[in-house]
Amino acid sequence: MSSPDPRHINSVVVIGCGAVGLPLCVAFATRDLNVLGVDIDAERIWLCQSGRLEVAEASLAEALDQSIEQGRLKFTPFCARASHRRAFILARSDACGRSRRPGVDELGELPPRLRWSALKTTISS
């Protein structure tokens, strides 16, 4: 059996678990990725993790519950360092100010080289 490609990313961190971030979390988790949903709202984290969040689409609620049960989707108010590669997605509508550049504080864990790359990929044209 060959070892996995070290460049392969099978873990995603979604920063912001609101109307955009939560469906993204579920979509990635249902595609066999390990997903960490990060949000500063402790109540939202608890509601998401416990499966008690009211979701309009029944299929999204079902996929959310299944992803949590399978251990593919977890929620937390912070993001710690990891020994494996991860993709970061900033899914917060309030993260961009007048400069249209997300706040670096949201990506505090990333090394500066990766931080700029992540910032560039979150800005719409």
N, C-alpha and C. Protein backbone atom coordinates (compact mmCIF):
# COMPACT_ATOMS: atom_id res chain seq x y z
N MET A 1 0.85 -1.18 0.00
CA MET A 1 0.00 0.00 0.00
C MET A 1 0.89 1.24 0.00
N SER A 2 0.64 2.16 -0.92
CA SER A 2 1.47 3.36 -1.01
C SER A 2 1.04 4.39 0.03
N SER A 3 1.99 5.22 0.42
CA SER A 3 1.68 6.26 1.40
C SER A 3 0.94 7.40 0.70
N PRO A 4 0.09 8.12 1.44
CA PRO A 4 -0.67 9.20 0.83
C PRO A 4 0.24 10.34 0.38
N ASP A 5 -0.18 11.03 -0.66
CA ASP A 5 0.55 12.17 -1.18
C ASP A 5 0.55 13.28 -0.12
N PRO A 6 1.73 13.74 0.33
CA PRO A 6 1.76 14.76 1.39
C PRO A 6 1.17 16.10 0.94
N ARG A 7 1.00 16.31 -0.36
CA ARG A 7 0.41 17.55 -0.86
C ARG A 7 -1.11 17.49 -0.87
N HIS A 8 -1.66 16.31 -0.67
CA HIS A 8 -3.11 16.13 -0.70
C HIS A 8 -3.73 16.73 0.56
N ILE A 9 -4.80 17.46 0.37
CA ILE A 9 -5.50 18.06 1.50
C ILE A 9 -6.82 17.32 1.69
N ASN A 10 -7.00 16.76 2.89
CA ASN A 10 -8.26 16.08 3.17
C ASN A 10 -8.96 16.70 4.37
N SER A 11 -8.52 17.90 4.73
CA SER A 11 -9.08 18.60 5.88
C SER A 11 -9.33 20.06 5.50
N VAL A 12 -10.51 20.55 5.87
CA VAL A 12 -10.91 21.91 5.53
C VAL A 12 -11.35 22.63 6.80
N VAL A 13 -10.95 23.87 6.93
CA VAL A 13 -11.40 24.73 8.02
C VAL A 13 -12.25 25.83 7.40
N VAL A 14 -13.50 25.91 7.83
CA VAL A 14 -14.40 26.95 7.35
C VAL A 14 -14.58 27.95 8.48
N ILE A 15 -14.16 29.18 8.26
CA ILE A 15 -14.27 30.22 9.28
C ILE A 15 -15.56 30.99 9.04
N GLY A 16 -16.49 30.82 9.95
CA GLY A 16 -17.82 31.41 9.82
C GLY A 16 -18.82 30.32 9.50
N CYS A 17 -19.75 30.08 10.39
CA CYS A 17 -20.72 28.98 10.22
C CYS A 17 -22.15 29.50 10.09
N GLY A 18 -22.29 30.55 9.32
CA GLY A 18 -23.61 31.13 9.10
C GLY A 18 -24.27 30.57 7.86
N ALA A 19 -25.01 31.42 7.16
CA ALA A 19 -25.79 31.01 6.00
C ALA A 19 -24.93 30.48 4.86
N VAL A 20 -23.70 30.94 4.75
CA VAL A 20 -22.79 30.46 3.71
C VAL A 20 -21.87 29.36 4.25
N GLY A 21 -21.29 29.60 5.40
CA GLY A 21 -20.31 28.67 5.97
C GLY A 21 -20.86 27.31 6.35
N LEU A 22 -22.05 27.27 6.95
CA LEU A 22 -22.60 25.98 7.37
C LEU A 22 -22.87 25.05 6.20
N PRO A 23 -23.53 25.50 5.14
CA PRO A 23 -23.71 24.60 3.99
C PRO A 23 -22.38 24.17 3.37
N LEU A 24 -21.38 25.06 3.38
CA LEU A 24 -20.06 24.68 2.88
C LEU A 24 -19.46 23.57 3.73
N CYS A 25 -19.57 23.71 5.05
CA CYS A 25 -19.07 22.67 5.97
C CYS A 25 -19.69 21.33 5.62
N VAL A 26 -21.00 21.32 5.48
CA VAL A 26 -21.73 20.08 5.23
C VAL A 26 -21.35 19.52 3.85
N ALA A 27 -21.25 20.39 2.86
CA ALA A 27 -20.91 19.93 1.50
C ALA A 27 -19.55 19.24 1.48
N PHE A 28 -18.56 19.83 2.13
CA PHE A 28 -17.22 19.22 2.16
C PHE A 28 -17.24 17.91 2.96
N ALA A 29 -17.95 17.90 4.09
CA ALA A 29 -17.99 16.71 4.93
C ALA A 29 -18.67 15.54 4.22
N THR A 30 -19.69 15.82 3.42
CA THR A 30 -20.37 14.74 2.70
C THR A 30 -19.53 14.20 1.54
N ARG A 31 -18.42 14.87 1.27
CA ARG A 31 -17.50 14.41 0.23
C ARG A 31 -16.23 13.82 0.85
N ASP A 32 -16.40 13.27 2.05
CA ASP A 32 -15.34 12.55 2.77
C ASP A 32 -14.15 13.40 3.16
N LEU A 33 -14.35 14.69 3.36
CA LEU A 33 -13.30 15.54 3.90
C LEU A 33 -13.57 15.74 5.39
N ASN A 34 -12.52 15.91 6.17
CA ASN A 34 -12.67 16.25 7.57
C ASN A 34 -12.81 17.76 7.65
N VAL A 35 -13.87 18.22 8.29
CA VAL A 35 -14.18 19.65 8.29
C VAL A 35 -14.26 20.18 9.72
N LEU A 36 -13.66 21.33 9.92
CA LEU A 36 -13.74 22.04 11.18
C LEU A 36 -14.43 23.36 10.91
N GLY A 37 -15.61 23.55 11.49
CA GLY A 37 -16.34 24.81 11.37
C GLY A 37 -15.95 25.69 12.55
N VAL A 38 -15.48 26.90 12.27
CA VAL A 38 -15.03 27.81 13.32
C VAL A 38 -15.94 29.04 13.33
N ASP A 39 -16.44 29.39 14.50
CA ASP A 39 -17.28 30.57 14.64
C ASP A 39 -17.09 31.12 16.04
N ILE A 40 -17.15 32.44 16.18
CA ILE A 40 -16.95 33.05 17.50
C ILE A 40 -18.22 33.03 18.34
N ASP A 41 -19.35 32.71 17.72
CA ASP A 41 -20.63 32.66 18.43
C ASP A 41 -20.77 31.31 19.13
N ALA A 42 -20.59 31.29 20.44
CA ALA A 42 -20.62 30.03 21.21
C ALA A 42 -21.96 29.32 21.09
N GLU A 43 -23.05 30.08 21.06
CA GLU A 43 -24.37 29.45 20.94
C GLU A 43 -24.52 28.77 19.58
N ARG A 44 -24.04 29.41 18.52
CA ARG A 44 -24.12 28.82 17.18
C ARG A 44 -23.29 27.53 17.14
N ILE A 45 -22.11 27.55 17.74
CA ILE A 45 -21.27 26.36 17.77
C ILE A 45 -22.01 25.22 18.47
N TRP A 46 -22.61 25.53 19.61
CA TRP A 46 -23.34 24.50 20.36
C TRP A 46 -24.52 23.97 19.55
N LEU A 47 -25.27 24.87 18.91
CA LEU A 47 -26.43 24.45 18.11
C LEU A 47 -25.99 23.58 16.92
N CYS A 48 -24.91 23.98 16.25
CA CYS A 48 -24.41 23.20 15.11
C CYS A 48 -23.94 21.83 15.56
N GLN A 49 -23.10 21.79 16.59
CA GLN A 49 -22.51 20.53 17.04
C GLN A 49 -23.56 19.57 17.59
N SER A 50 -24.61 20.12 18.21
CA SER A 50 -25.65 19.26 18.79
C SER A 50 -26.72 18.89 17.77
N GLY A 51 -26.64 19.48 16.57
CA GLY A 51 -27.63 19.20 15.54
C GLY A 51 -28.97 19.86 15.81
N ARG A 52 -28.99 20.86 16.66
CA ARG A 52 -30.25 21.53 17.03
C ARG A 52 -30.47 22.83 16.26
N LEU A 53 -29.59 23.13 15.36
CA LEU A 53 -29.73 24.35 14.57
C LEU A 53 -30.89 24.18 13.60
N GLU A 54 -31.77 25.16 13.56
CA GLU A 54 -32.90 25.07 12.64
C GLU A 54 -32.42 25.41 11.24
N VAL A 55 -32.55 24.44 10.34
CA VAL A 55 -32.10 24.60 8.96
C VAL A 55 -33.32 24.47 8.06
N ALA A 56 -33.47 25.40 7.13
CA ALA A 56 -34.65 25.42 6.27
C ALA A 56 -34.76 24.18 5.39
N GLU A 57 -33.64 23.74 4.83
CA GLU A 57 -33.66 22.59 3.93
C GLU A 57 -33.52 21.29 4.73
N ALA A 58 -34.48 20.41 4.58
CA ALA A 58 -34.45 19.13 5.30
C ALA A 58 -33.23 18.30 4.91
N SER A 59 -32.85 18.34 3.65
CA SER A 59 -31.70 17.54 3.20
C SER A 59 -30.40 18.06 3.82
N LEU A 60 -30.31 19.37 4.04
CA LEU A 60 -29.12 19.93 4.69
C LEU A 60 -29.07 19.50 6.15
N ALA A 61 -30.21 19.53 6.82
CA ALA A 61 -30.27 19.11 8.23
C ALA A 61 -29.87 17.64 8.37
N GLU A 62 -30.35 16.82 7.46
CA GLU A 62 -30.03 15.39 7.49
C GLU A 62 -28.54 15.16 7.23
N ALA A 63 -28.00 15.87 6.25
CA ALA A 63 -26.57 15.73 5.93
C ALA A 63 -25.70 16.26 7.07
N LEU A 64 -26.16 17.33 7.74
CA LEU A 64 -25.44 17.88 8.90
C LEU A 64 -25.37 16.83 10.00
N ASP A 65 -26.50 16.24 10.34
CA ASP A 65 -26.54 15.22 11.39
C ASP A 65 -25.66 14.02 11.04
N GLN A 66 -25.74 13.57 9.81
CA GLN A 66 -24.96 12.41 9.38
C GLN A 66 -23.46 12.71 9.41
N SER A 67 -23.07 13.91 8.98
CA SER A 67 -21.65 14.28 8.97
C SER A 67 -21.08 14.35 10.39
N ILE A 68 -21.89 14.85 11.32
CA ILE A 68 -21.45 14.92 12.72
C ILE A 68 -21.33 13.50 13.29
N GLU A 69 -22.33 12.66 13.03
CA GLU A 69 -22.31 11.28 13.54
C GLU A 69 -21.11 10.51 13.01
N GLN A 70 -20.72 10.75 11.77
CA GLN A 70 -19.58 10.05 11.17
C GLN A 70 -18.24 10.63 11.63
N GLY A 71 -18.28 11.73 12.37
CA GLY A 71 -17.05 12.34 12.86
C GLY A 71 -16.31 13.16 11.82
N ARG A 72 -16.94 13.44 10.70
CA ARG A 72 -16.32 14.23 9.63
C ARG A 72 -16.46 15.72 9.85
N LEU A 73 -17.38 16.13 10.69
CA LEU A 73 -17.68 17.55 10.88
C LEU A 73 -17.72 17.88 12.36
N LYS A 74 -16.90 18.86 12.73
CA LYS A 74 -16.85 19.34 14.12
C LYS A 74 -16.89 20.86 14.10
N PHE A 75 -17.33 21.43 15.19
CA PHE A 75 -17.43 22.88 15.32
C PHE A 75 -16.68 23.33 16.56
N THR A 76 -16.08 24.51 16.48
CA THR A 76 -15.29 25.04 17.59
C THR A 76 -15.21 26.56 17.49
N PRO A 77 -14.97 27.24 18.61
CA PRO A 77 -14.81 28.69 18.54
C PRO A 77 -13.38 29.14 18.22
N PHE A 78 -12.46 28.20 18.05
CA PHE A 78 -11.08 28.57 17.75
C PHE A 78 -10.45 27.51 16.85
N CYS A 79 -9.34 27.86 16.28
CA CYS A 79 -8.65 26.94 15.38
C CYS A 79 -7.20 26.79 15.85
N ALA A 80 -6.85 25.61 16.26
CA ALA A 80 -5.50 25.34 16.75
C ALA A 80 -4.61 24.85 15.62
N ARG A 81 -3.32 24.88 15.84
CA ARG A 81 -2.36 24.35 14.86
C ARG A 81 -2.60 22.87 14.65
N ALA A 82 -2.25 22.42 13.47
CA ALA A 82 -2.41 21.00 13.14
C ALA A 82 -1.15 20.51 12.47
N SER A 83 -0.91 19.21 12.54
CA SER A 83 0.29 18.63 11.92
C SER A 83 0.04 18.22 10.48
N HIS A 84 -1.19 18.35 10.01
CA HIS A 84 -1.52 17.97 8.65
C HIS A 84 -1.93 19.21 7.83
N ARG A 85 -1.93 19.06 6.51
CA ARG A 85 -2.30 20.15 5.63
C ARG A 85 -3.81 20.37 5.67
N ARG A 86 -4.20 21.64 5.63
CA ARG A 86 -5.62 21.98 5.63
C ARG A 86 -5.87 23.14 4.67
N ALA A 87 -7.04 23.16 4.10
CA ALA A 87 -7.48 24.30 3.31
C ALA A 87 -8.32 25.19 4.23
N PHE A 88 -8.20 26.49 4.09
CA PHE A 88 -8.95 27.43 4.90
C PHE A 88 -9.89 28.22 4.00
N ILE A 89 -11.14 28.35 4.45
CA ILE A 89 -12.13 29.14 3.72
C ILE A 89 -12.73 30.15 4.69
N LEU A 90 -12.67 31.42 4.31
CA LEU A 90 -13.24 32.48 5.12
C LEU A 90 -14.64 32.76 4.59
N ALA A 91 -15.65 32.37 5.36
CA ALA A 91 -17.04 32.48 4.93
C ALA A 91 -17.80 33.43 5.85
N ARG A 92 -17.30 34.64 5.93
CA ARG A 92 -17.94 35.64 6.79
C ARG A 92 -18.23 36.88 5.97
N SER A 93 -19.48 37.28 5.95
CA SER A 93 -19.87 38.47 5.18
C SER A 93 -19.32 39.75 5.79
N ASP A 94 -19.03 39.75 7.07
CA ASP A 94 -18.54 40.96 7.73
C ASP A 94 -17.02 41.01 7.81
N ALA A 95 -16.34 40.08 7.19
CA ALA A 95 -14.89 40.01 7.31
C ALA A 95 -14.16 41.04 6.46
N CYS A 96 -14.81 41.58 5.44
CA CYS A 96 -14.17 42.55 4.56
C CYS A 96 -14.68 43.94 4.88
N GLY A 97 -13.75 44.84 5.08
CA GLY A 97 -14.10 46.23 5.31
C GLY A 97 -14.07 47.00 4.00
N ARG A 98 -13.87 48.29 4.10
CA ARG A 98 -13.85 49.14 2.90
C ARG A 98 -12.72 48.76 1.96
N SER A 99 -11.65 48.21 2.51
CA SER A 99 -10.51 47.83 1.67
C SER A 99 -10.78 46.55 0.90
N ARG A 100 -11.89 45.87 1.20
CA ARG A 100 -12.25 44.59 0.59
C ARG A 100 -11.22 43.51 0.89
N ARG A 101 -10.48 43.67 1.98
CA ARG A 101 -9.49 42.68 2.39
C ARG A 101 -9.90 42.12 3.73
N PRO A 102 -10.02 40.82 3.85
CA PRO A 102 -10.40 40.22 5.13
C PRO A 102 -9.39 40.55 6.22
N GLY A 103 -9.87 40.62 7.45
CA GLY A 103 -9.00 40.87 8.57
C GLY A 103 -8.05 39.72 8.82
N VAL A 104 -6.78 40.02 9.04
CA VAL A 104 -5.77 39.00 9.27
C VAL A 104 -6.04 38.26 10.58
N ASP A 105 -6.70 38.91 11.52
CA ASP A 105 -6.99 38.25 12.79
C ASP A 105 -7.77 36.96 12.61
N GLU A 106 -8.60 36.91 11.58
CA GLU A 106 -9.39 35.70 11.33
C GLU A 106 -8.51 34.52 10.96
N LEU A 107 -7.32 34.79 10.45
CA LEU A 107 -6.42 33.74 9.99
C LEU A 107 -5.14 33.73 10.81
N GLY A 108 -5.23 34.07 12.08
CA GLY A 108 -4.06 34.23 12.92
C GLY A 108 -3.13 33.04 13.01
N GLU A 109 -3.62 31.83 12.82
CA GLU A 109 -2.79 30.64 12.96
C GLU A 109 -1.84 30.46 11.78
N LEU A 110 -2.18 30.99 10.64
CA LEU A 110 -1.42 30.72 9.43
C LEU A 110 -0.08 31.44 9.40
N PRO A 111 0.95 30.80 8.86
CA PRO A 111 2.21 31.50 8.65
C PRO A 111 1.99 32.63 7.65
N PRO A 112 2.78 33.71 7.71
CA PRO A 112 2.56 34.87 6.82
C PRO A 112 2.46 34.51 5.34
N ARG A 113 3.28 33.59 4.85
CA ARG A 113 3.25 33.23 3.43
C ARG A 113 1.89 32.65 3.06
N LEU A 114 1.37 31.77 3.89
CA LEU A 114 0.07 31.16 3.62
C LEU A 114 -1.06 32.13 3.89
N ARG A 115 -0.87 33.00 4.85
CA ARG A 115 -1.92 33.95 5.20
C ARG A 115 -2.27 34.80 3.99
N TRP A 116 -1.26 35.33 3.28
CA TRP A 116 -1.53 36.18 2.12
C TRP A 116 -2.21 35.39 1.02
N SER A 117 -1.81 34.16 0.82
CA SER A 117 -2.44 33.32 -0.19
C SER A 117 -3.91 33.11 0.16
N ALA A 118 -4.19 32.87 1.43
CA ALA A 118 -5.58 32.66 1.84
C ALA A 118 -6.39 33.94 1.67
N LEU A 119 -5.78 35.08 1.98
CA LEU A 119 -6.48 36.35 1.82
C LEU A 119 -6.80 36.61 0.36
N LYS A 120 -5.87 36.33 -0.51
CA LYS A 120 -6.10 36.57 -1.93
C LYS A 120 -7.23 35.71 -2.46
N THR A 121 -7.35 34.50 -1.99
CA THR A 121 -8.36 33.60 -2.54
C THR A 121 -9.75 33.85 -1.98
N THR A 122 -9.89 34.69 -0.98
CA THR A 122 -11.21 34.94 -0.42
C THR A 122 -11.84 36.22 -0.95
N ILE A 123 -11.09 37.00 -1.71
CA ILE A 123 -11.59 38.28 -2.19
C ILE A 123 -12.23 38.10 -3.56
N SER A 124 -13.48 38.57 -3.67
CA SER A 124 -14.13 38.48 -4.97
C SER A 124 -13.66 39.63 -5.86
N SER A 125 -13.66 39.38 -7.15
CA SER A 125 -13.18 40.40 -8.10
C SER A 125 -14.19 41.50 -8.29
